[in-house]
């Protein structure tokens, strides 16, 4: 696969999203990723998912580097700014959720089964903790226009970044909202979903039903229990909508 981008200093390649990776040349003169550079990139991305998932997008790059067991300079060589790294993680996690929603929509004939499958898979993946903030603010609560779902955990420095919203443009949020909207509409039309439940409510379930706990077994049990409660609250009851 050819790496798209322009060549920077010391033979590095600057990718289209602004990330840079060290490059080498094979026998045919083609640009290829060095094995160590690719390994470090994978470590940084894995660490970023973990750190941002636990602490929100306000976590500093130093925490990502520490988790990846690389120097912070290594992180910045691949992602020249925190915004670039945040965008990369948000884009990948949004795409993962979109694929899960499409699979549920295409493979489940029953509307409620499709919605439940999507929610269980999304919560299990933990991707909801890494959704772009604008995805978690799609709904409003009526006349006052207040967001129906909270912003992710963030510190003062991160707030300045997230309020700009530019790092999240083009992350695939529109595609996710579209397919989740179809899941919601199918379940609502079938009378299996409460009529007042919106797309933002469903995304709120995904974002909050995957708590970050230090013990993996405890986290899995807590997520399963919380999701069962939330799913029961989403289902329609006799007299709903009348």
Protein backbone atom coordinates (compact mmCIF):
# COMPACT_ATOMS: atom_id res chain seq x y z
CA UNK A 1 0.00 0.00 0.00
CA UNK A 2 1.46 3.34 -1.00
CA UNK A 3 1.70 5.98 1.71
CA UNK A 4 0.02 9.18 0.60
CA UNK A 5 1.58 12.46 1.63
CA UNK A 6 4.67 14.59 1.23
CA UNK A 7 8.22 13.88 2.30
CA UNK A 8 9.53 15.74 5.34
CA UNK A 9 12.90 16.04 7.02
CA UNK A 10 15.12 12.99 7.58
CA UNK A 11 13.12 10.87 5.13
CA UNK A 12 9.90 10.98 7.13
CA UNK A 13 6.57 10.95 5.34
CA UNK A 14 3.88 13.46 6.29
CA UNK A 15 0.49 11.83 5.90
CA UNK A 16 -2.62 13.58 4.60
CA UNK A 17 -3.98 14.00 8.14
CA UNK A 18 -0.75 15.65 9.31
CA UNK A 19 0.75 12.59 10.99
CA UNK A 20 4.33 11.70 10.19
CA UNK A 21 6.03 8.33 10.11
CA UNK A 22 9.61 7.35 9.51
CA UNK A 23 10.13 5.90 6.06
CA UNK A 24 12.64 3.62 4.38
CA UNK A 25 13.14 2.62 0.76
CA UNK A 26 12.85 -0.90 -0.61
CA UNK A 27 14.82 -2.35 -3.52
CA UNK A 28 12.47 -0.78 -6.06
CA UNK A 29 12.74 2.69 -4.59
CA UNK A 30 9.24 2.64 -3.06
CA UNK A 31 8.62 4.33 0.29
CA UNK A 32 7.78 1.83 3.04
CA UNK A 33 7.26 2.07 6.78
CA UNK A 34 10.14 0.80 8.87
CA UNK A 35 9.17 -2.09 11.10
CA UNK A 36 10.04 -0.22 14.28
CA UNK A 37 8.16 2.88 13.17
CA UNK A 38 5.05 0.85 12.39
CA UNK A 39 5.27 -0.92 15.74
CA UNK A 40 5.64 2.37 17.61
CA UNK A 41 2.68 3.82 15.71
CA UNK A 42 0.51 0.87 16.72
CA UNK A 43 1.62 1.23 20.35
CA UNK A 44 0.80 4.94 20.34
CA UNK A 45 -2.66 4.41 18.84
CA UNK A 46 -3.46 1.63 21.31
CA UNK A 47 -2.26 3.74 24.21
CA UNK A 48 -4.24 6.77 23.01
CA UNK A 49 -7.44 4.73 22.88
CA UNK A 50 -6.86 3.50 26.41
CA UNK A 51 -5.85 6.84 27.90
CA UNK A 52 -8.55 8.89 26.19
CA UNK A 53 -11.11 6.20 26.99
CA UNK A 54 -10.22 6.37 30.67
CA UNK A 55 -9.66 10.10 31.11
CA UNK A 56 -11.34 11.77 28.14
CA UNK A 57 -9.73 13.77 25.35
CA UNK A 58 -8.32 16.19 27.91
CA UNK A 59 -5.57 13.71 28.84
CA UNK A 60 -2.11 15.07 27.97
CA UNK A 61 0.11 13.61 25.27
CA UNK A 62 2.65 12.72 27.97
CA UNK A 63 0.16 10.20 29.38
CA UNK A 64 -0.22 8.63 25.95
CA UNK A 65 3.55 8.37 25.56
CA UNK A 66 3.94 6.85 29.01
CA UNK A 67 1.29 4.23 28.30
CA UNK A 68 2.88 3.42 24.94
CA UNK A 69 6.32 3.21 26.59
CA UNK A 70 7.84 5.63 24.14
CA UNK A 71 9.18 9.15 24.47
CA UNK A 72 6.74 12.01 23.97
CA UNK A 73 8.91 13.09 21.04
CA UNK A 74 8.06 9.80 19.33
CA UNK A 75 4.35 10.58 19.69
CA UNK A 76 4.81 14.06 18.22
CA UNK A 77 6.85 12.73 15.31
CA UNK A 78 3.85 10.72 14.25
CA UNK A 79 1.17 13.19 15.32
CA UNK A 80 2.48 16.77 15.18
CA UNK A 81 -0.34 18.05 17.40
CA UNK A 82 -2.77 16.61 19.88
CA UNK A 83 -5.65 17.60 17.60
CA UNK A 84 -4.31 15.30 14.88
CA UNK A 85 -4.14 12.34 17.28
CA UNK A 86 -7.60 13.05 18.68
CA UNK A 87 -9.04 13.25 15.19
CA UNK A 88 -7.44 9.93 14.24
CA UNK A 89 -8.87 8.13 17.29
CA UNK A 90 -12.30 9.73 16.93
CA UNK A 91 -12.42 8.82 13.25
CA UNK A 92 -11.49 5.18 13.83
CA UNK A 93 -13.93 4.68 16.70
CA UNK A 94 -16.77 6.40 14.85
CA UNK A 95 -16.13 4.18 11.83
CA UNK A 96 -16.15 1.09 14.06
CA UNK A 97 -19.54 2.02 15.51
CA UNK A 98 -20.93 2.82 12.06
CA UNK A 99 -19.88 -0.62 10.79
CA UNK A 100 -21.51 -2.27 13.80
CA UNK A 101 -24.73 -0.34 13.23
CA UNK A 102 -24.82 -1.25 9.54
CA UNK A 103 -24.24 -4.92 10.35
CA UNK A 104 -27.10 -4.91 12.85
CA UNK A 105 -29.37 -3.14 10.39
CA UNK A 106 -28.59 -5.54 7.56
CA UNK A 107 -28.48 -8.83 9.46
CA UNK A 108 -31.34 -8.56 11.95
CA UNK A 109 -34.90 -8.75 10.63
CA UNK A 110 -36.52 -7.74 13.92
CA UNK A 111 -36.22 -4.00 14.66
CA UNK A 112 -35.67 -4.35 18.40
CA UNK A 113 -33.18 -7.20 17.93
CA UNK A 114 -31.21 -5.01 15.53
CA UNK A 115 -31.08 -2.08 17.94
CA UNK A 116 -30.19 -4.30 20.89
CA UNK A 117 -27.44 -6.06 18.91
CA UNK A 118 -25.92 -2.73 17.98
CA UNK A 119 -26.03 -1.43 21.52
CA UNK A 120 -24.51 -4.54 23.06
CA UNK A 121 -21.70 -4.64 20.51
CA UNK A 122 -21.01 -0.93 20.83
CA UNK A 123 -20.85 -1.04 24.61
CA UNK A 124 -18.63 -4.13 24.59
CA UNK A 125 -16.16 -2.41 22.24
CA UNK A 126 -15.84 0.62 24.52
CA UNK A 127 -15.96 2.90 21.48
CA UNK A 128 -18.65 5.07 23.04
CA UNK A 129 -16.12 6.62 25.39
CA UNK A 130 -14.24 7.93 22.36
CA UNK A 131 -17.06 9.40 20.30
CA UNK A 132 -16.51 12.96 18.99
CA UNK A 133 -18.21 15.52 21.26
CA UNK A 134 -20.56 16.81 18.55
CA UNK A 135 -22.02 13.30 18.18
CA UNK A 136 -22.93 13.40 21.86
CA UNK A 137 -24.66 16.77 21.45
CA UNK A 138 -27.00 16.07 18.54
CA UNK A 139 -30.20 16.22 20.55
CA UNK A 140 -31.83 19.18 22.28
CA UNK A 141 -34.22 19.24 25.15
CA UNK A 142 -36.94 21.41 23.71
CA UNK A 143 -37.36 25.16 24.00
CA UNK A 144 -34.16 25.98 25.82
CA UNK A 145 -32.03 24.15 23.25
CA UNK A 146 -29.86 22.59 25.95
CA UNK A 147 -27.87 19.53 25.01
CA UNK A 148 -29.65 16.34 26.04
CA UNK A 149 -26.36 14.50 26.53
CA UNK A 150 -23.29 15.68 28.42
CA UNK A 151 -19.90 16.53 27.01
CA UNK A 152 -17.14 14.04 27.62
CA UNK A 153 -14.92 14.45 30.67
CA UNK A 154 -12.52 17.26 29.98
CA UNK A 155 -10.22 19.68 31.73
CA UNK A 156 -9.92 23.40 31.03
CA UNK A 157 -7.21 22.99 28.42
CA UNK A 158 -9.17 20.32 26.55
CA UNK A 159 -12.30 22.49 26.57
CA UNK A 160 -10.56 25.06 24.40
CA UNK A 161 -9.71 22.30 21.92
CA UNK A 162 -13.11 20.64 21.90
CA UNK A 163 -15.07 23.87 21.58
CA UNK A 164 -13.35 24.54 18.25
CA UNK A 165 -14.82 21.24 16.95
CA UNK A 166 -12.59 21.51 13.90
CA UNK A 167 -10.54 18.41 14.82
CA UNK A 168 -13.70 16.32 14.53
CA UNK A 169 -14.91 17.51 11.14
CA UNK A 170 -14.88 14.69 8.64
CA UNK A 171 -14.66 11.97 11.29
CA UNK A 172 -17.68 10.14 9.88
CA UNK A 173 -20.13 11.43 12.46
CA UNK A 174 -22.83 12.09 9.85
CA UNK A 175 -22.71 8.50 8.62
CA UNK A 176 -23.01 7.19 12.17
CA UNK A 177 -25.98 9.42 12.96
CA UNK A 178 -27.70 8.37 9.75
CA UNK A 179 -27.48 4.63 10.32
CA UNK A 180 -28.32 4.83 14.03
CA UNK A 181 -31.28 7.00 13.05
CA UNK A 182 -32.53 4.19 10.83
CA UNK A 183 -32.20 1.66 13.65
CA UNK A 184 -34.13 3.97 15.96
CA UNK A 185 -36.87 4.70 13.42
CA UNK A 186 -37.41 1.01 12.65
CA UNK A 187 -37.77 0.12 16.32
CA UNK A 188 -40.03 3.09 16.98
CA UNK A 189 -42.27 2.33 13.99
CA UNK A 190 -42.57 -1.28 15.15
CA UNK A 191 -43.82 -0.03 18.50
CA UNK A 192 -40.89 -1.62 20.34
CA UNK A 193 -39.05 1.58 21.24
CA UNK A 194 -40.44 4.34 23.43
CA UNK A 195 -41.71 7.11 21.14
CA UNK A 196 -39.74 9.79 22.99
CA UNK A 197 -36.37 8.06 22.53
CA UNK A 198 -34.07 9.89 20.11
CA UNK A 199 -30.79 9.10 18.39
CA UNK A 200 -28.99 11.14 21.02
CA UNK A 201 -30.54 8.99 23.75
CA UNK A 202 -29.19 5.85 22.08
CA UNK A 203 -25.73 7.38 21.78
CA UNK A 204 -25.91 8.40 25.42
CA UNK A 205 -26.46 4.75 26.32
CA UNK A 206 -23.34 3.81 24.37
CA UNK A 207 -21.27 6.55 25.99
CA UNK A 208 -22.33 5.84 29.58
CA UNK A 209 -22.82 2.05 29.68
CA UNK A 210 -19.11 1.33 29.25
CA UNK A 211 -17.52 2.59 32.47
CA UNK A 212 -13.73 2.61 32.71
CA UNK A 213 -12.92 0.46 35.73
CA UNK A 214 -9.47 -0.82 36.71
CA UNK A 215 -10.54 -4.46 36.85
CA UNK A 216 -11.56 -5.95 33.48
CA UNK A 217 -13.98 -8.50 34.92
CA UNK A 218 -15.61 -5.89 37.12
CA UNK A 219 -15.95 -3.55 34.16
CA UNK A 220 -17.55 -6.24 32.01
CA UNK A 221 -20.03 -7.17 34.73
CA UNK A 222 -20.89 -3.54 35.48
CA UNK A 223 -21.38 -2.76 31.77
CA UNK A 224 -23.65 -5.76 31.25
CA UNK A 225 -25.78 -4.91 34.29
CA UNK A 226 -26.08 -1.23 33.40
CA UNK A 227 -26.92 -1.99 29.78
CA UNK A 228 -29.68 -4.42 30.79
CA UNK A 229 -31.25 -1.67 32.91
CA UNK A 230 -30.94 0.93 30.15
CA UNK A 231 -32.37 -1.40 27.50
CA UNK A 232 -35.39 -2.04 29.72
CA UNK A 233 -35.87 1.70 29.95
CA UNK A 234 -35.74 2.13 26.18
CA UNK A 235 -38.46 -0.43 25.42
CA UNK A 236 -41.99 0.72 24.95
CA UNK A 237 -44.64 -0.10 27.53
CA UNK A 238 -48.41 -0.39 27.24
CA UNK A 239 -49.85 3.10 26.95
CA UNK A 240 -46.67 4.74 25.61
CA UNK A 241 -47.45 7.34 23.00
CA UNK A 242 -51.13 7.47 23.82
